[in-house]
Each structure stands twice: as C-alpha cells, then as structure tokens.
PDB file of N, CA and C in Angstrom:
ATOM      1  N   MET A   1       0.699  -1.064   0.171  1.00  0.00           N
ATOM      2  CA  MET A   1       0.080  -0.065  -0.063  1.00  0.00           C
ATOM      3  C   MET A   1       0.804   1.151   0.009  1.00  0.00           C
ATOM      4  N   LYS A   2       0.528   2.030  -1.052  1.00  0.00           N
ATOM      5  CA  LYS A   2       1.336   3.215  -0.850  1.00  0.00           C
ATOM      6  C   LYS A   2       1.017   4.536   0.310  1.00  0.00           C
ATOM      7  N   THR A   3       1.878   4.846   0.732  1.00  0.00           N
ATOM      8  CA  THR A   3       1.754   5.866   1.724  1.00  0.00           C
ATOM      9  C   THR A   3       2.134   7.406   1.541  1.00  0.00           C
ATOM     10  N   ASP A   4       2.571   7.851   0.250  1.00  0.00           N
ATOM     11  CA  ASP A   4       2.994   8.977  -0.102  1.00  0.00           C
ATOM     12  C   ASP A   4       1.771   9.793  -0.488  1.00  0.00           C
ATOM     13  N   ASN A   5       0.446   9.448  -0.496  1.00  0.00           N
ATOM     14  CA  ASN A   5      -0.532   9.896  -0.843  1.00  0.00           C
ATOM     15  C   ASN A   5      -1.811  10.053   0.288  1.00  0.00           C
ATOM     16  N   ILE A   6      -1.369  10.364   1.454  1.00  0.00           N
ATOM     17  CA  ILE A   6      -2.395  10.180   2.810  1.00  0.00           C
ATOM     18  C   ILE A   6      -2.901  11.478   2.831  1.00  0.00           C
ATOM     19  N   HIS A   7      -4.153  11.330   3.206  1.00  0.00           N
ATOM     20  CA  HIS A   7      -4.935  12.592   3.443  1.00  0.00           C
ATOM     21  C   HIS A   7      -5.349  12.627   4.778  1.00  0.00           C
ATOM     22  N   LYS A   8      -5.449  13.834   5.051  1.00  0.00           N
ATOM     23  CA  LYS A   8      -5.682  14.025   6.715  1.00  0.00           C
ATOM     24  C   LYS A   8      -7.163  14.523   6.536  1.00  0.00           C
ATOM     25  N   ILE A   9      -8.067  13.858   7.528  1.00  0.00           N
ATOM     26  CA  ILE A   9      -9.463  14.182   7.690  1.00  0.00           C
ATOM     27  C   ILE A   9      -9.617  14.757   9.063  1.00  0.00           C
ATOM     28  N   ASP A  10      -9.969  16.113   9.205  1.00  0.00           N
ATOM     29  CA  ASP A  10     -10.304  16.415  10.634  1.00  0.00           C
ATOM     30  C   ASP A  10     -11.555  15.954  11.024  1.00  0.00           C
ATOM     31  N   CYS A  11     -11.525  15.470  12.321  1.00  0.00           N
ATOM     32  CA  CYS A  11     -12.697  14.933  13.110  1.00  0.00           C
ATOM     33  C   CYS A  11     -12.721  15.158  14.413  1.00  0.00           C
ATOM     34  N   THR A  12     -14.061  14.881  15.084  1.00  0.00           N
ATOM     35  CA  THR A  12     -14.020  14.908  16.342  1.00  0.00           C
ATOM     36  C   THR A  12     -14.659  13.598  16.778  1.00  0.00           C
ATOM     37  N   THR A  13     -14.267  12.846  17.820  1.00  0.00           N
ATOM     38  CA  THR A  13     -15.142  11.824  18.279  1.00  0.00           C
ATOM     39  C   THR A  13     -15.664  11.874  19.478  1.00  0.00           C
ATOM     40  N   ILE A  14     -16.898  11.803  19.733  1.00  0.00           N
ATOM     41  CA  ILE A  14     -17.545  11.963  21.035  1.00  0.00           C
ATOM     42  C   ILE A  14     -18.197  10.599  21.636  1.00  0.00           C
ATOM     43  N   THR A  15     -17.763  10.127  22.807  1.00  0.00           N
ATOM     44  CA  THR A  15     -18.068   8.901  23.268  1.00  0.00           C
ATOM     45  C   THR A  15     -19.157   9.281  24.502  1.00  0.00           C
ATOM     46  N   ILE A  16     -20.360   8.696  24.762  1.00  0.00           N
ATOM     47  CA  ILE A  16     -21.293   8.874  25.752  1.00  0.00           C
ATOM     48  C   ILE A  16     -21.650   7.603  26.478  1.00  0.00           C
ATOM     49  N   TYR A  17     -21.606   7.206  27.522  1.00  0.00           N
ATOM     50  CA  TYR A  17     -21.884   6.045  28.393  1.00  0.00           C
ATOM     51  C   TYR A  17     -23.356   6.081  28.996  1.00  0.00           C
ATOM     52  N   ARG A  18     -24.348   5.240  28.438  1.00  0.00           N
ATOM     53  CA  ARG A  18     -25.688   5.401  28.719  1.00  0.00           C
ATOM     54  C   ARG A  18     -26.254   4.046  29.556  1.00  0.00           C
ATOM     55  N   ASN A  19     -26.674   4.122  30.600  1.00  0.00           N
ATOM     56  CA  ASN A  19     -27.689   3.234  31.231  1.00  0.00           C
ATOM     57  C   ASN A  19     -29.065   3.025  30.428  1.00  0.00           C
ATOM     58  N   THR A  20     -29.091   1.688  29.921  1.00  0.00           N
ATOM     59  CA  THR A  20     -30.132   1.466  29.281  1.00  0.00           C
ATOM     60  C   THR A  20     -31.556   1.400  30.322  1.00  0.00           C
ATOM     61  N   LYS A  21     -31.386   1.078  31.298  1.00  0.00           N
ATOM     62  CA  LYS A  21     -32.644   0.638  32.185  1.00  0.00           C
ATOM     63  C   LYS A  21     -33.204   2.411  32.741  1.00  0.00           C
ATOM     64  N   THR A  22     -31.868   3.289  33.295  1.00  0.00           N
ATOM     65  CA  THR A  22     -32.384   4.530  33.877  1.00  0.00           C
ATOM     66  C   THR A  22     -32.251   5.551  32.832  1.00  0.00           C
ATOM     67  N   GLY A  23     -31.615   5.421  31.710  1.00  0.00           N
ATOM     68  CA  GLY A  23     -31.285   6.542  30.678  1.00  0.00           C
ATOM     69  C   GLY A  23     -30.347   7.355  31.284  1.00  0.00           C
ATOM     70  N   GLU A  24     -29.759   7.197  32.126  1.00  0.00           N
ATOM     71  CA  GLU A  24     -28.525   8.184  32.644  1.00  0.00           C
ATOM     72  C   GLU A  24     -27.605   8.161  31.954  1.00  0.00           C
ATOM     73  N   THR A  25     -27.001   9.280  31.580  1.00  0.00           N
ATOM     74  CA  THR A  25     -25.676   9.397  30.417  1.00  0.00           C
ATOM     75  C   THR A  25     -24.525   9.832  31.532  1.00  0.00           C
ATOM     76  N   SER A  26     -23.171   9.526  30.999  1.00  0.00           N
ATOM     77  CA  SER A  26     -21.987  10.075  31.387  1.00  0.00           C
ATOM     78  C   SER A  26     -21.224  10.043  30.260  1.00  0.00           C
ATOM     79  N   LYS A  27     -20.265  11.171  30.500  1.00  0.00           N
ATOM     80  CA  LYS A  27     -18.915  11.202  29.660  1.00  0.00           C
ATOM     81  C   LYS A  27     -17.843  10.347  30.344  1.00  0.00           C
ATOM     82  N   GLU A  28     -17.817  10.237  31.465  1.00  0.00           N
ATOM     83  CA  GLU A  28     -16.884   9.367  32.113  1.00  0.00           C
ATOM     84  C   GLU A  28     -17.302   7.987  31.694  1.00  0.00           C
ATOM     85  N   LYS A  29     -16.051   7.022  31.599  1.00  0.00           N
ATOM     86  CA  LYS A  29     -16.458   5.554  31.427  1.00  0.00           C
ATOM     87  C   LYS A  29     -17.020   4.916  32.716  1.00  0.00           C
ATOM     88  N   ILE A  30     -17.893   4.136  32.531  1.00  0.00           N
ATOM     89  CA  ILE A  30     -18.808   3.391  33.637  1.00  0.00           C
ATOM     90  C   ILE A  30     -19.020   1.869  32.935  1.00  0.00           C
ATOM     91  N   GLU A  31     -19.126   1.129  33.877  1.00  0.00           N
ATOM     92  CA  GLU A  31     -19.158  -0.348  33.413  1.00  0.00           C
ATOM     93  C   GLU A  31     -20.416  -0.997  34.044  1.00  0.00           C
ATOM     94  N   GLY A  32     -21.008  -2.139  33.341  1.00  0.00           N
ATOM     95  CA  GLY A  32     -22.020  -2.779  34.043  1.00  0.00           C
ATOM     96  C   GLY A  32     -22.993  -3.639  33.092  1.00  0.00           C
ATOM     97  N   PRO A  33     -23.917  -4.232  33.482  1.00  0.00           N
ATOM     98  CA  PRO A  33     -24.543  -5.027  32.546  1.00  0.00           C
ATOM     99  C   PRO A  33     -25.456  -4.154  31.545  1.00  0.00           C
ATOM    100  N   ASP A  34     -25.763  -3.175  32.062  1.00  0.00           N
ATOM    101  CA  ASP A  34     -26.967  -2.232  31.320  1.00  0.00           C
ATOM    102  C   ASP A  34     -26.416  -0.978  30.779  1.00  0.00           C
ATOM    103  N   ILE A  35     -24.794  -0.760  30.528  1.00  0.00           N
ATOM    104  CA  ILE A  35     -24.196   0.295  30.130  1.00  0.00           C
ATOM    105  C   ILE A  35     -24.053   0.154  28.779  1.00  0.00           C
ATOM    106  N   VAL A  36     -24.329   1.079  27.562  1.00  0.00           N
ATOM    107  CA  VAL A  36     -24.018   0.729  26.155  1.00  0.00           C
ATOM    108  C   VAL A  36     -23.151   2.184  25.861  1.00  0.00           C
ATOM    109  N   THR A  37     -22.469   1.990  24.996  1.00  0.00           N
ATOM    110  CA  THR A  37     -21.415   3.051  24.511  1.00  0.00           C
ATOM    111  C   THR A  37     -22.245   3.632  23.350  1.00  0.00           C
ATOM    112  N   ASP A  38     -22.584   4.762  23.048  1.00  0.00           N
ATOM    113  CA  ASP A  38     -22.854   5.695  22.080  1.00  0.00           C
ATOM    114  C   ASP A  38     -21.737   6.696  21.500  1.00  0.00           C
ATOM    115  N   VAL A  39     -21.274   6.453  20.299  1.00  0.00           N
ATOM    116  CA  VAL A  39     -20.412   7.230  19.786  1.00  0.00           C
ATOM    117  C   VAL A  39     -20.660   7.886  18.373  1.00  0.00           C
ATOM    118  N   THR A  40     -19.996   9.253  18.511  1.00  0.00           N
ATOM    119  CA  THR A  40     -20.617  10.174  17.508  1.00  0.00           C
ATOM    120  C   THR A  40     -19.385  10.592  16.839  1.00  0.00           C
ATOM    121  N   VAL A  41     -19.196  10.605  15.509  1.00  0.00           N
ATOM    122  CA  VAL A  41     -17.931  11.192  14.851  1.00  0.00           C
ATOM    123  C   VAL A  41     -18.302  12.411  14.021  1.00  0.00           C
ATOM    124  N   GLN A  42     -17.961  13.749  14.449  1.00  0.00           N
ATOM    125  CA  GLN A  42     -18.186  14.663  13.492  1.00  0.00           C
ATOM    126  C   GLN A  42     -17.036  15.118  12.703  1.00  0.00           C
ATOM    127  N   VAL A  43     -17.206  15.272  11.328  1.00  0.00           N
ATOM    128  CA  VAL A  43     -16.424  15.578  10.404  1.00  0.00           C
ATOM    129  C   VAL A  43     -16.578  16.797   9.932  1.00  0.00           C
ATOM    130  N   SER A  44     -15.474  17.670  10.024  1.00  0.00           N
ATOM    131  CA  SER A  44     -15.706  19.090   9.293  1.00  0.00           C
ATOM    132  C   SER A  44     -15.997  18.925   7.750  1.00  0.00           C
ATOM    133  N   PRO A  45     -16.614  20.163   7.409  1.00  0.00           N
ATOM    134  CA  PRO A  45     -16.956  20.075   5.893  1.00  0.00           C
ATOM    135  C   PRO A  45     -15.980  20.019   4.940  1.00  0.00           C
ATOM    136  N   LYS A  46     -14.746  20.365   5.285  1.00  0.00           N
ATOM    137  CA  LYS A  46     -13.701  20.239   4.507  1.00  0.00           C
ATOM    138  C   LYS A  46     -13.258  18.629   4.546  1.00  0.00           C
ATOM    139  N   GLY A  47     -13.032  18.135   5.451  1.00  0.00           N
ATOM    140  CA  GLY A  47     -12.827  16.719   5.867  1.00  0.00           C
ATOM    141  C   GLY A  47     -13.766  15.743   5.092  1.00  0.00           C
ATOM    142  N   LEU A  48     -15.090  16.203   5.105  1.00  0.00           N
ATOM    143  CA  LEU A  48     -16.050  15.315   4.553  1.00  0.00           C
ATOM    144  C   LEU A  48     -15.828  15.789   2.826  1.00  0.00           C
ATOM    145  N   ASP A  49     -15.341  16.505   2.295  1.00  0.00           N
ATOM    146  CA  ASP A  49     -15.133  16.790   0.828  1.00  0.00           C
ATOM    147  C   ASP A  49     -13.945  15.907   0.616  1.00  0.00           C
ATOM    148  N   VAL A  50     -13.055  15.837   1.414  1.00  0.00           N
ATOM    149  CA  VAL A  50     -11.802  15.090   1.136  1.00  0.00           C
ATOM    150  C   VAL A  50     -12.082  13.722   1.160  1.00  0.00           C
ATOM    151  N   PHE A  51     -12.966  13.022   2.077  1.00  0.00           N
ATOM    152  CA  PHE A  51     -13.299  11.944   2.229  1.00  0.00           C
ATOM    153  C   PHE A  51     -14.050  11.351   0.843  1.00  0.00           C
ATOM    154  N   GLN A  52     -15.191  12.127   0.636  1.00  0.00           N
ATOM    155  CA  GLN A  52     -15.858  11.917  -0.554  1.00  0.00           C
ATOM    156  C   GLN A  52     -14.846  11.994  -1.928  1.00  0.00           C
ATOM    157  N   LYS A  53     -14.235  12.760  -1.957  1.00  0.00           N
ATOM    158  CA  LYS A  53     -12.951  12.532  -2.978  1.00  0.00           C
ATOM    159  C   LYS A  53     -12.438  11.267  -3.283  1.00  0.00           C
ATOM    160  N   VAL A  54     -11.880  11.034  -2.254  1.00  0.00           N
ATOM    161  CA  VAL A  54     -10.827   9.874  -1.907  1.00  0.00           C
ATOM    162  C   VAL A  54     -11.801   8.597  -2.269  1.00  0.00           C
ATOM    163  N   MET A  55     -12.935   8.618  -1.822  1.00  0.00           N
ATOM    164  CA  MET A  55     -13.863   7.389  -2.132  1.00  0.00           C
ATOM    165  C   MET A  55     -14.526   7.465  -3.488  1.00  0.00           C
ATOM    166  N   ASN A  56     -14.667   8.346  -4.251  1.00  0.00           N
ATOM    167  CA  ASN A  56     -15.044   8.326  -5.569  1.00  0.00           C
ATOM    168  C   ASN A  56     -13.906   8.061  -6.351  1.00  0.00           C
ATOM    169  N   ASN A  57     -12.581   8.496  -6.207  1.00  0.00           N
ATOM    170  CA  ASN A  57     -11.338   8.110  -6.866  1.00  0.00           C
ATOM    171  C   ASN A  57     -11.340   6.492  -6.634  1.00  0.00           C
ATOM    172  N   ASP A  58     -11.295   5.764  -5.582  1.00  0.00           N
ATOM    173  CA  ASP A  58     -11.593   4.415  -5.110  1.00  0.00           C
ATOM    174  C   ASP A  58     -12.576   3.648  -6.037  1.00  0.00           C
ATOM    175  N   SER A  59     -13.582   4.252  -6.137  1.00  0.00           N
ATOM    176  CA  SER A  59     -14.776   3.628  -7.048  1.00  0.00           C
ATOM    177  C   SER A  59     -14.623   3.483  -8.482  1.00  0.00           C
ATOM    178  N   LYS A  60     -13.508   4.539  -8.981  1.00  0.00           N
ATOM    179  CA  LYS A  60     -13.329   4.731 -10.337  1.00  0.00           C
ATOM    180  C   LYS A  60     -12.243   3.589 -10.841  1.00  0.00           C
ATOM    181  N   LYS A  61     -11.389   2.965  -9.852  1.00  0.00           N
ATOM    182  CA  LYS A  61     -10.372   2.395 -10.160  1.00  0.00           C
ATOM    183  C   LYS A  61     -10.778   1.012 -10.598  1.00  0.00           C
ATOM    184  N   PRO A  62     -10.188   0.311 -11.639  1.00  0.00           N
ATOM    185  CA  PRO A  62     -10.627  -0.808 -12.173  1.00  0.00           C
ATOM    186  C   PRO A  62     -10.252  -1.871 -10.914  1.00  0.00           C
ATOM    187  N   LYS A  63     -11.150  -2.839 -10.860  1.00  0.00           N
ATOM    188  CA  LYS A  63     -10.737  -4.235  -9.609  1.00  0.00           C
ATOM    189  C   LYS A  63     -10.041  -4.826 -10.388  1.00  0.00           C
ATOM    190  N   SER A  64      -8.982  -5.508  -9.725  1.00  0.00           N
ATOM    191  CA  SER A  64      -8.106  -6.466 -10.408  1.00  0.00           C
ATOM    192  C   SER A  64      -8.585  -7.915  -9.555  1.00  0.00           C
TER     193      SER A  64
END
C-alpha cells in the first residue's frame, strides 16, 4: 500500500456511556450489564469533501 498520498481528515469523536434501564448518561467511562456506548464522529465540511473525493477515486479504479 502506498503511503505517499495520505489525506488528513479532521474529525472529533464523542463517546457517551448510557444506562439502558435508567437513561442516565455520562462522559466518564462506566461499566455494568446495562451500560451501552454511544459514539458520534463529527467530520468537518472540508474533511467530508476530502473523504468523498477519495471514495469517488477509489470507486473509479478498475478492480483486479
């Protein structure tokens, strides 16, 4: 795999821990049988544009 053409995509990852029984949420890591992790990734408009261009270029390449 070539590494000379790496694109940087600016993004922010937000992780929230939520108790499914009580609905209580926390940004601090908590553990237990009723705890689920909700993850949101926010991509900047410029980063999204770069990502779309890379994905479009990959889909145009012939598959070998």
